[in-house]
């Protein structure tokens, strides 16, 4: 059996691969919307960052994570990473 992946392990890995693909597509969709937000903010002269909105999002995501039995600290770190990237994109749009 050397070199052969057990069917159960392959099934689990295939499921992980499917979830990873869904995450990538969801992130692409999210960034499509945040790009539109960045363009709107640039047109309207609004700042790239919105600390009040970010605070609301953190609280919301932490609650969702707890409900889903996912570590809220992990969820918050994940959101912080995404928000930093979004702000970077918004700042680039603003020039």
PDB file of N, CA and C in Angstrom:
ATOM      1  N   UNK A   1       0.822  -1.192   0.000  1.00  0.00           N
ATOM      2  CA  UNK A   1       0.000   0.000   0.000  1.00  0.00           C
ATOM      3  C   UNK A   1       0.867   1.256   0.000  1.00  0.00           C
ATOM      4  N   UNK A   2       2.170   1.080  -0.050  1.00  0.00           N
ATOM      5  CA  UNK A   2       3.076   2.227  -0.075  1.00  0.00           C
ATOM      6  C   UNK A   2       2.809   3.068  -1.318  1.00  0.00           C
ATOM      7  N   UNK A   3       2.718   4.397  -1.114  1.00  0.00           N
ATOM      8  CA  UNK A   3       2.506   5.298  -2.237  1.00  0.00           C
ATOM      9  C   UNK A   3       1.047   5.467  -2.627  1.00  0.00           C
ATOM     10  N   UNK A   4       0.169   4.673  -2.050  1.00  0.00           N
ATOM     11  CA  UNK A   4      -1.255   4.775  -2.350  1.00  0.00           C
ATOM     12  C   UNK A   4      -1.963   5.467  -1.191  1.00  0.00           C
ATOM     13  N   UNK A   5      -2.813   6.414  -1.528  1.00  0.00           N
ATOM     14  CA  UNK A   5      -3.576   7.110  -0.501  1.00  0.00           C
ATOM     15  C   UNK A   5      -4.824   6.304  -0.185  1.00  0.00           C
ATOM     16  N   UNK A   6      -5.061   6.036   1.096  1.00  0.00           N
ATOM     17  CA  UNK A   6      -6.287   5.314   1.459  1.00  0.00           C
ATOM     18  C   UNK A   6      -7.520   6.086   0.981  1.00  0.00           C
ATOM     19  N   UNK A   7      -8.546   5.380   0.500  1.00  0.00           N
ATOM     20  CA  UNK A   7      -9.737   6.047  -0.044  1.00  0.00           C
ATOM     21  C   UNK A   7     -10.380   7.046   0.920  1.00  0.00           C
ATOM     22  N   UNK A   8     -10.461   6.709   2.193  1.00  0.00           N
ATOM     23  CA  UNK A   8     -11.082   7.619   3.173  1.00  0.00           C
ATOM     24  C   UNK A   8     -10.285   8.920   3.275  1.00  0.00           C
ATOM     25  N   UNK A   9      -8.956   8.815   3.301  1.00  0.00           N
ATOM     26  CA  UNK A   9      -8.108  10.003   3.364  1.00  0.00           C
ATOM     27  C   UNK A   9      -8.270  10.827   2.086  1.00  0.00           C
ATOM     28  N   UNK A  10      -8.339  10.167   0.943  1.00  0.00           N
ATOM     29  CA  UNK A  10      -8.516  10.884  -0.319  1.00  0.00           C
ATOM     30  C   UNK A  10      -9.856  11.610  -0.350  1.00  0.00           C
ATOM     31  N   UNK A  11     -10.902  10.947   0.165  1.00  0.00           N
ATOM     32  CA  UNK A  11     -12.226  11.572   0.218  1.00  0.00           C
ATOM     33  C   UNK A  11     -12.189  12.830   1.069  1.00  0.00           C
ATOM     34  N   UNK A  12     -11.538  12.739   2.228  1.00  0.00           N
ATOM     35  CA  UNK A  12     -11.427  13.907   3.114  1.00  0.00           C
ATOM     36  C   UNK A  12     -10.616  15.017   2.457  1.00  0.00           C
ATOM     37  N   UNK A  13      -9.532  14.651   1.806  1.00  0.00           N
ATOM     38  CA  UNK A  13      -8.709  15.660   1.113  1.00  0.00           C
ATOM     39  C   UNK A  13      -9.477  16.313  -0.035  1.00  0.00           C
ATOM     40  N   UNK A  14     -10.250  15.519  -0.748  1.00  0.00           N
ATOM     41  CA  UNK A  14     -11.067  16.076  -1.826  1.00  0.00           C
ATOM     42  C   UNK A  14     -12.073  17.087  -1.267  1.00  0.00           C
ATOM     43  N   UNK A  15     -12.644  16.770  -0.119  1.00  0.00           N
ATOM     44  CA  UNK A  15     -13.586  17.698   0.520  1.00  0.00           C
ATOM     45  C   UNK A  15     -12.890  18.996   0.915  1.00  0.00           C
ATOM     46  N   UNK A  16     -11.693  18.888   1.457  1.00  0.00           N
ATOM     47  CA  UNK A  16     -10.907  20.079   1.808  1.00  0.00           C
ATOM     48  C   UNK A  16     -10.617  20.901   0.559  1.00  0.00           C
ATOM     49  N   UNK A  17     -10.226  20.236  -0.514  1.00  0.00           N
ATOM     50  CA  UNK A  17      -9.950  20.942  -1.774  1.00  0.00           C
ATOM     51  C   UNK A  17     -11.188  21.682  -2.281  1.00  0.00           C
ATOM     52  N   UNK A  18     -12.354  21.075  -2.139  1.00  0.00           N
ATOM     53  CA  UNK A  18     -13.604  21.710  -2.564  1.00  0.00           C
ATOM     54  C   UNK A  18     -13.892  22.961  -1.729  1.00  0.00           C
ATOM     55  N   UNK A  19     -13.689  22.851  -0.429  1.00  0.00           N
ATOM     56  CA  UNK A  19     -13.908  24.007   0.451  1.00  0.00           C
ATOM     57  C   UNK A  19     -12.908  25.112   0.124  1.00  0.00           C
ATOM     58  N   UNK A  20     -11.647  24.740  -0.107  1.00  0.00           N
ATOM     59  CA  UNK A  20     -10.635  25.747  -0.478  1.00  0.00           C
ATOM     60  C   UNK A  20     -11.033  26.472  -1.759  1.00  0.00           C
ATOM     61  N   UNK A  21     -11.532  25.743  -2.735  1.00  0.00           N
ATOM     62  CA  UNK A  21     -11.967  26.363  -3.989  1.00  0.00           C
ATOM     63  C   UNK A  21     -13.132  27.322  -3.729  1.00  0.00           C
ATOM     64  N   UNK A  22     -14.066  26.910  -2.899  1.00  0.00           N
ATOM     65  CA  UNK A  22     -15.202  27.774  -2.566  1.00  0.00           C
ATOM     66  C   UNK A  22     -14.726  29.036  -1.857  1.00  0.00           C
ATOM     67  N   UNK A  23     -13.769  28.900  -0.939  1.00  0.00           N
ATOM     68  CA  UNK A  23     -13.225  30.069  -0.238  1.00  0.00           C
ATOM     69  C   UNK A  23     -12.587  31.059  -1.209  1.00  0.00           C
ATOM     70  N   UNK A  24     -11.829  30.547  -2.150  1.00  0.00           N
ATOM     71  CA  UNK A  24     -11.180  31.424  -3.129  1.00  0.00           C
ATOM     72  C   UNK A  24     -12.230  32.171  -3.941  1.00  0.00           C
ATOM     73  N   UNK A  25     -13.268  31.468  -4.372  1.00  0.00           N
ATOM     74  CA  UNK A  25     -14.320  32.110  -5.162  1.00  0.00           C
ATOM     75  C   UNK A  25     -15.101  33.123  -4.322  1.00  0.00           C
ATOM     76  N   UNK A  26     -15.356  32.802  -3.062  1.00  0.00           N
ATOM     77  CA  UNK A  26     -16.056  33.737  -2.182  1.00  0.00           C
ATOM     78  C   UNK A  26     -15.207  34.980  -1.913  1.00  0.00           C
ATOM     79  N   UNK A  27     -13.909  34.780  -1.714  1.00  0.00           N
ATOM     80  CA  UNK A  27     -13.033  35.938  -1.508  1.00  0.00           C
ATOM     81  C   UNK A  27     -12.985  36.812  -2.756  1.00  0.00           C
ATOM     82  N   UNK A  28     -12.948  36.187  -3.926  1.00  0.00           N
ATOM     83  CA  UNK A  28     -12.955  36.961  -5.173  1.00  0.00           C
ATOM     84  C   UNK A  28     -14.246  37.773  -5.274  1.00  0.00           C
ATOM     85  N   UNK A  29     -15.361  37.175  -4.924  1.00  0.00           N
ATOM     86  CA  UNK A  29     -16.645  37.879  -4.947  1.00  0.00           C
ATOM     87  C   UNK A  29     -16.652  39.025  -3.937  1.00  0.00           C
ATOM     88  N   UNK A  30     -16.122  38.767  -2.747  1.00  0.00           N
ATOM     89  CA  UNK A  30     -16.058  39.810  -1.719  1.00  0.00           C
ATOM     90  C   UNK A  30     -15.212  40.979  -2.203  1.00  0.00           C
ATOM     91  N   UNK A  31     -14.070  40.689  -2.803  1.00  0.00           N
ATOM     92  CA  UNK A  31     -13.186  41.750  -3.268  1.00  0.00           C
ATOM     93  C   UNK A  31     -13.795  42.518  -4.440  1.00  0.00           C
ATOM     94  N   UNK A  32     -14.664  41.877  -5.210  1.00  0.00           N
ATOM     95  CA  UNK A  32     -15.362  42.593  -6.274  1.00  0.00           C
ATOM     96  C   UNK A  32     -16.225  43.700  -5.651  1.00  0.00           C
ATOM     97  N   UNK A  33     -16.916  43.370  -4.558  1.00  0.00           N
ATOM     98  CA  UNK A  33     -17.755  44.359  -3.879  1.00  0.00           C
ATOM     99  C   UNK A  33     -16.921  45.417  -3.164  1.00  0.00           C
ATOM    100  N   UNK A  34     -15.840  44.989  -2.526  1.00  0.00           N
ATOM    101  CA  UNK A  34     -15.022  45.984  -1.820  1.00  0.00           C
ATOM    102  C   UNK A  34     -14.317  46.910  -2.808  1.00  0.00           C
ATOM    103  N   UNK A  35     -14.040  46.416  -4.008  1.00  0.00           N
ATOM    104  CA  UNK A  35     -13.467  47.284  -5.038  1.00  0.00           C
ATOM    105  C   UNK A  35     -14.465  48.375  -5.403  1.00  0.00           C
ATOM    106  N   UNK A  36     -15.730  47.987  -5.545  1.00  0.00           N
ATOM    107  CA  UNK A  36     -16.776  48.970  -5.850  1.00  0.00           C
ATOM    108  C   UNK A  36     -16.910  49.975  -4.715  1.00  0.00           C
ATOM    109  N   UNK A  37     -16.789  49.510  -3.475  1.00  0.00           N
ATOM    110  CA  UNK A  37     -16.828  50.419  -2.323  1.00  0.00           C
ATOM    111  C   UNK A  37     -15.654  51.390  -2.399  1.00  0.00           C
ATOM    112  N   UNK A  38     -14.470  50.887  -2.709  1.00  0.00           N
ATOM    113  CA  UNK A  38     -13.289  51.740  -2.816  1.00  0.00           C
ATOM    114  C   UNK A  38     -13.443  52.794  -3.889  1.00  0.00           C
ATOM    115  N   UNK A  39     -14.003  52.404  -5.026  1.00  0.00           N
ATOM    116  CA  UNK A  39     -14.228  53.367  -6.108  1.00  0.00           C
ATOM    117  C   UNK A  39     -15.243  54.425  -5.688  1.00  0.00           C
ATOM    118  N   UNK A  40     -16.290  54.004  -4.976  1.00  0.00           N
ATOM    119  CA  UNK A  40     -17.282  54.938  -4.473  1.00  0.00           C
ATOM    120  C   UNK A  40     -16.641  55.920  -3.497  1.00  0.00           C
ATOM    121  N   UNK A  41     -15.864  55.395  -2.553  1.00  0.00           N
ATOM    122  CA  UNK A  41     -15.203  56.260  -1.569  1.00  0.00           C
ATOM    123  C   UNK A  41     -14.275  57.256  -2.253  1.00  0.00           C
ATOM    124  N   UNK A  42     -13.556  56.812  -3.273  1.00  0.00           N
ATOM    125  CA  UNK A  42     -12.641  57.706  -3.989  1.00  0.00           C
ATOM    126  C   UNK A  42     -13.427  58.823  -4.674  1.00  0.00           C
ATOM    127  N   UNK A  43     -14.533  58.476  -5.324  1.00  0.00           N
ATOM    128  CA  UNK A  43     -15.364  59.484  -6.005  1.00  0.00           C
ATOM    129  C   UNK A  43     -15.928  60.501  -5.023  1.00  0.00           C
ATOM    130  N   UNK A  44     -16.311  60.005  -3.838  1.00  0.00           N
ATOM    131  CA  UNK A  44     -16.961  60.858  -2.849  1.00  0.00           C
ATOM    132  C   UNK A  44     -15.983  61.523  -1.879  1.00  0.00           C
ATOM    133  N   UNK A  45     -14.689  61.214  -2.041  1.00  0.00           N
ATOM    134  CA  UNK A  45     -13.688  61.800  -1.155  1.00  0.00           C
ATOM    135  C   UNK A  45     -13.725  61.265   0.267  1.00  0.00           C
ATOM    136  N   UNK A  46     -14.186  60.039   0.421  1.00  0.00           N
ATOM    137  CA  UNK A  46     -14.265  59.404   1.738  1.00  0.00           C
ATOM    138  C   UNK A  46     -12.955  58.687   2.054  1.00  0.00           C
ATOM    139  N   UNK A  47     -12.614  58.553   3.330  1.00  0.00           N
ATOM    140  CA  UNK A  47     -11.375  57.854   3.692  1.00  0.00           C
ATOM    141  C   UNK A  47     -11.447  56.367   3.359  1.00  0.00           C
ATOM    142  N   UNK A  48     -10.275  55.788   3.109  1.00  0.00           N
ATOM    143  CA  UNK A  48     -10.206  54.365   2.766  1.00  0.00           C
ATOM    144  C   UNK A  48     -10.663  53.488   3.928  1.00  0.00           C
ATOM    145  N   UNK A  49     -10.291  53.855   5.134  1.00  0.00           N
ATOM    146  CA  UNK A  49     -10.634  53.059   6.317  1.00  0.00           C
ATOM    147  C   UNK A  49     -11.898  53.615   6.971  1.00  0.00           C
ATOM    148  N   UNK A  50     -12.655  52.722   7.586  1.00  0.00           N
ATOM    149  CA  UNK A  50     -13.858  53.096   8.324  1.00  0.00           C
ATOM    150  C   UNK A  50     -13.834  52.334   9.648  1.00  0.00           C
ATOM    151  N   UNK A  51     -13.140  52.893  10.661  1.00  0.00           N
ATOM    152  CA  UNK A  51     -12.972  52.177  11.928  1.00  0.00           C
ATOM    153  C   UNK A  51     -14.286  51.741  12.587  1.00  0.00           C
ATOM    154  N   UNK A  52     -15.332  52.550  12.502  1.00  0.00           N
ATOM    155  CA  UNK A  52     -16.613  52.165  13.116  1.00  0.00           C
ATOM    156  C   UNK A  52     -17.179  50.923  12.426  1.00  0.00           C
ATOM    157  N   UNK A  53     -17.135  50.903  11.114  1.00  0.00           N
ATOM    158  CA  UNK A  53     -17.623  49.748  10.349  1.00  0.00           C
ATOM    159  C   UNK A  53     -16.786  48.512  10.679  1.00  0.00           C
ATOM    160  N   UNK A  54     -15.472  48.705  10.760  1.00  0.00           N
ATOM    161  CA  UNK A  54     -14.592  47.575  11.066  1.00  0.00           C
ATOM    162  C   UNK A  54     -14.905  46.997  12.444  1.00  0.00           C
ATOM    163  N   UNK A  55     -15.172  47.861  13.420  1.00  0.00           N
ATOM    164  CA  UNK A  55     -15.524  47.401  14.769  1.00  0.00           C
ATOM    165  C   UNK A  55     -16.815  46.584  14.736  1.00  0.00           C
ATOM    166  N   UNK A  56     -17.804  47.076  13.990  1.00  0.00           N
ATOM    167  CA  UNK A  56     -19.067  46.336  13.846  1.00  0.00           C
ATOM    168  C   UNK A  56     -18.832  44.978  13.195  1.00  0.00           C
ATOM    169  N   UNK A  57     -17.999  44.963  12.166  1.00  0.00           N
ATOM    170  CA  UNK A  57     -17.728  43.714  11.447  1.00  0.00           C
ATOM    171  C   UNK A  57     -17.021  42.699  12.341  1.00  0.00           C
ATOM    172  N   UNK A  58     -16.088  43.174  13.159  1.00  0.00           N
ATOM    173  CA  UNK A  58     -15.370  42.267  14.066  1.00  0.00           C
ATOM    174  C   UNK A  58     -16.362  41.628  15.032  1.00  0.00           C
ATOM    175  N   UNK A  59     -17.228  42.431  15.632  1.00  0.00           N
ATOM    176  CA  UNK A  59     -18.210  41.896  16.582  1.00  0.00           C
ATOM    177  C   UNK A  59     -19.135  40.898  15.898  1.00  0.00           C
ATOM    178  N   UNK A  60     -19.590  41.246  14.708  1.00  0.00           N
ATOM    179  CA  UNK A  60     -20.485  40.373  13.949  1.00  0.00           C
ATOM    180  C   UNK A  60     -19.802  39.053  13.600  1.00  0.00           C
ATOM    181  N   UNK A  61     -18.567  39.140  13.113  1.00  0.00           N
ATOM    182  CA  UNK A  61     -17.844  37.933  12.714  1.00  0.00           C
ATOM    183  C   UNK A  61     -17.504  37.052  13.920  1.00  0.00           C
ATOM    184  N   UNK A  62     -17.152  37.674  15.045  1.00  0.00           N
ATOM    185  CA  UNK A  62     -16.861  36.893  16.249  1.00  0.00           C
ATOM    186  C   UNK A  62     -18.102  36.119  16.696  1.00  0.00           C
ATOM    187  N   UNK A  63     -19.268  36.762  16.620  1.00  0.00           N
ATOM    188  CA  UNK A  63     -20.516  36.090  17.002  1.00  0.00           C
ATOM    189  C   UNK A  63     -20.819  34.943  16.038  1.00  0.00           C
ATOM    190  N   UNK A  64     -20.649  35.187  14.741  1.00  0.00           N
ATOM    191  CA  UNK A  64     -20.864  34.123  13.759  1.00  0.00           C
ATOM    192  C   UNK A  64     -19.912  32.959  13.999  1.00  0.00           C
ATOM    193  N   UNK A  65     -18.659  33.277  14.287  1.00  0.00           N
ATOM    194  CA  UNK A  65     -17.663  32.228  14.537  1.00  0.00           C
ATOM    195  C   UNK A  65     -18.052  31.391  15.751  1.00  0.00           C
ATOM    196  N   UNK A  66     -18.463  32.062  16.816  1.00  0.00           N
ATOM    197  CA  UNK A  66     -18.851  31.328  18.030  1.00  0.00           C
ATOM    198  C   UNK A  66     -20.024  30.401  17.734  1.00  0.00           C
ATOM    199  N   UNK A  67     -20.998  30.892  16.986  1.00  0.00           N
ATOM    200  CA  UNK A  67     -22.159  30.065  16.618  1.00  0.00           C
ATOM    201  C   UNK A  67     -21.734  28.861  15.786  1.00  0.00           C
ATOM    202  N   UNK A  68     -20.742  29.076  14.915  1.00  0.00           N
ATOM    203  CA  UNK A  68     -20.261  28.001  14.034  1.00  0.00           C
ATOM    204  C   UNK A  68     -19.230  27.101  14.712  1.00  0.00           C
ATOM    205  N   UNK A  69     -18.951  27.371  15.972  1.00  0.00           N
ATOM    206  CA  UNK A  69     -17.948  26.611  16.745  1.00  0.00           C
ATOM    207  C   UNK A  69     -16.546  26.750  16.140  1.00  0.00           C
ATOM    208  N   UNK A  70     -16.267  27.964  15.667  1.00  0.00           N
ATOM    209  CA  UNK A  70     -14.948  28.333  15.158  1.00  0.00           C
ATOM    210  C   UNK A  70     -14.361  29.323  16.150  1.00  0.00           C
ATOM    211  N   UNK A  71     -13.086  29.232  16.401  1.00  0.00           N
ATOM    212  CA  UNK A  71     -12.424  30.123  17.351  1.00  0.00           C
ATOM    213  C   UNK A  71     -12.639  31.584  16.931  1.00  0.00           C
ATOM    214  N   UNK A  72     -13.339  32.387  17.740  1.00  0.00           N
ATOM    215  CA  UNK A  72     -13.565  33.791  17.391  1.00  0.00           C
ATOM    216  C   UNK A  72     -12.276  34.585  17.197  1.00  0.00           C
ATOM    217  N   UNK A  73     -11.215  34.241  17.927  1.00  0.00           N
ATOM    218  CA  UNK A  73      -9.932  34.937  17.748  1.00  0.00           C
ATOM    219  C   UNK A  73      -9.376  34.669  16.352  1.00  0.00           C
ATOM    220  N   UNK A  74      -9.478  33.428  15.916  1.00  0.00           N
ATOM    221  CA  UNK A  74      -9.031  33.091  14.557  1.00  0.00           C
ATOM    222  C   UNK A  74      -9.854  33.867  13.531  1.00  0.00           C
ATOM    223  N   UNK A  75     -11.167  33.880  13.705  1.00  0.00           N
ATOM    224  CA  UNK A  75     -12.043  34.586  12.769  1.00  0.00           C
ATOM    225  C   UNK A  75     -11.695  36.072  12.720  1.00  0.00           C
ATOM    226  N   UNK A  76     -11.402  36.656  13.873  1.00  0.00           N
ATOM    227  CA  UNK A  76     -11.041  38.076  13.917  1.00  0.00           C
ATOM    228  C   UNK A  76      -9.719  38.330  13.195  1.00  0.00           C
ATOM    229  N   UNK A  77      -8.751  37.452  13.395  1.00  0.00           N
ATOM    230  CA  UNK A  77      -7.461  37.601  12.700  1.00  0.00           C
ATOM    231  C   UNK A  77      -7.645  37.471  11.191  1.00  0.00           C
ATOM    232  N   UNK A  78      -8.480  36.545  10.775  1.00  0.00           N
ATOM    233  CA  UNK A  78      -8.758  36.350   9.360  1.00  0.00           C
ATOM    234  C   UNK A  78      -9.401  37.606   8.768  1.00  0.00           C
ATOM    235  N   UNK A  79     -10.393  38.158   9.472  1.00  0.00           N
ATOM    236  CA  UNK A  79     -11.038  39.376   9.004  1.00  0.00           C
ATOM    237  C   UNK A  79     -10.041  40.531   8.968  1.00  0.00           C
ATOM    238  N   UNK A  80      -9.188  40.640   9.971  1.00  0.00           N
ATOM    239  CA  UNK A  80      -8.200  41.729  10.001  1.00  0.00           C
ATOM    240  C   UNK A  80      -7.288  41.653   8.784  1.00  0.00           C
ATOM    241  N   UNK A  81      -6.894  40.455   8.416  1.00  0.00           N
ATOM    242  CA  UNK A  81      -6.053  40.279   7.231  1.00  0.00           C
ATOM    243  C   UNK A  81      -6.791  40.772   5.979  1.00  0.00           C
ATOM    244  N   UNK A  82      -8.047  40.382   5.844  1.00  0.00           N
ATOM    245  CA  UNK A  82      -8.841  40.787   4.684  1.00  0.00           C
ATOM    246  C   UNK A  82      -9.031  42.299   4.669  1.00  0.00           C
ATOM    247  N   UNK A  83      -9.352  42.879   5.818  1.00  0.00           N
ATOM    248  CA  UNK A  83      -9.590  44.321   5.898  1.00  0.00           C
ATOM    249  C   UNK A  83      -8.324  45.093   5.535  1.00  0.00           C
ATOM    250  N   UNK A  84      -7.179  44.633   5.995  1.00  0.00           N
ATOM    251  CA  UNK A  84      -5.916  45.307   5.634  1.00  0.00           C
ATOM    252  C   UNK A  84      -5.730  45.316   4.118  1.00  0.00           C
ATOM    253  N   UNK A  85      -6.037  44.206   3.490  1.00  0.00           N
ATOM    254  CA  UNK A  85      -5.903  44.116   2.033  1.00  0.00           C
ATOM    255  C   UNK A  85      -6.910  45.031   1.336  1.00  0.00           C
ATOM    256  N   UNK A  86      -8.128  45.075   1.842  1.00  0.00           N
ATOM    257  CA  UNK A  86      -9.157  45.951   1.269  1.00  0.00           C
ATOM    258  C   UNK A  86      -8.719  47.408   1.384  1.00  0.00           C
ATOM    259  N   UNK A  87      -8.227  47.807   2.556  1.00  0.00           N
ATOM    260  CA  UNK A  87      -7.785  49.193   2.754  1.00  0.00           C
ATOM    261  C   UNK A  87      -6.625  49.509   1.812  1.00  0.00           C
ATOM    262  N   UNK A  88      -5.734  48.567   1.645  1.00  0.00           N
ATOM    263  CA  UNK A  88      -4.611  48.765   0.711  1.00  0.00           C
ATOM    264  C   UNK A  88      -5.146  49.025  -0.704  1.00  0.00           C
ATOM    265  N   UNK A  89      -6.150  48.249  -1.114  1.00  0.00           N
ATOM    266  CA  UNK A  89      -6.752  48.450  -2.436  1.00  0.00           C
ATOM    267  C   UNK A  89      -7.437  49.818  -2.519  1.00  0.00           C
ATOM    268  N   UNK A  90      -8.159  50.196  -1.458  1.00  0.00           N
ATOM    269  CA  UNK A  90      -8.856  51.482  -1.445  1.00  0.00           C
ATOM    270  C   UNK A  90      -7.854  52.636  -1.523  1.00  0.00           C
ATOM    271  N   UNK A  91      -6.750  52.507  -0.798  1.00  0.00           N
ATOM    272  CA  UNK A  91      -5.739  53.559  -0.839  1.00  0.00           C
ATOM    273  C   UNK A  91      -5.121  53.665  -2.232  1.00  0.00           C
ATOM    274  N   UNK A  92      -4.947  52.536  -2.895  1.00  0.00           N
ATOM    275  CA  UNK A  92      -4.402  52.536  -4.254  1.00  0.00           C
ATOM    276  C   UNK A  92      -5.355  53.236  -5.222  1.00  0.00           C
ATOM    277  N   UNK A  93      -6.653  53.018  -5.038  1.00  0.00           N
ATOM    278  CA  UNK A  93      -7.670  53.675  -5.879  1.00  0.00           C
ATOM    279  C   UNK A  93      -7.644  55.174  -5.648  1.00  0.00           C
ATOM    280  N   UNK A  94      -7.442  55.576  -4.390  1.00  0.00           N
ATOM    281  CA  UNK A  94      -7.413  56.996  -4.039  1.00  0.00           C
ATOM    282  C   UNK A  94      -6.134  57.664  -4.539  1.00  0.00           C
ATOM    283  N   UNK A  95      -5.135  56.868  -4.895  1.00  0.00           N
ATOM    284  CA  UNK A  95      -3.878  57.413  -5.396  1.00  0.00           C
ATOM    285  C   UNK A  95      -3.055  57.907  -4.275  1.00  0.00           C
TER     286      UNK A  95
END
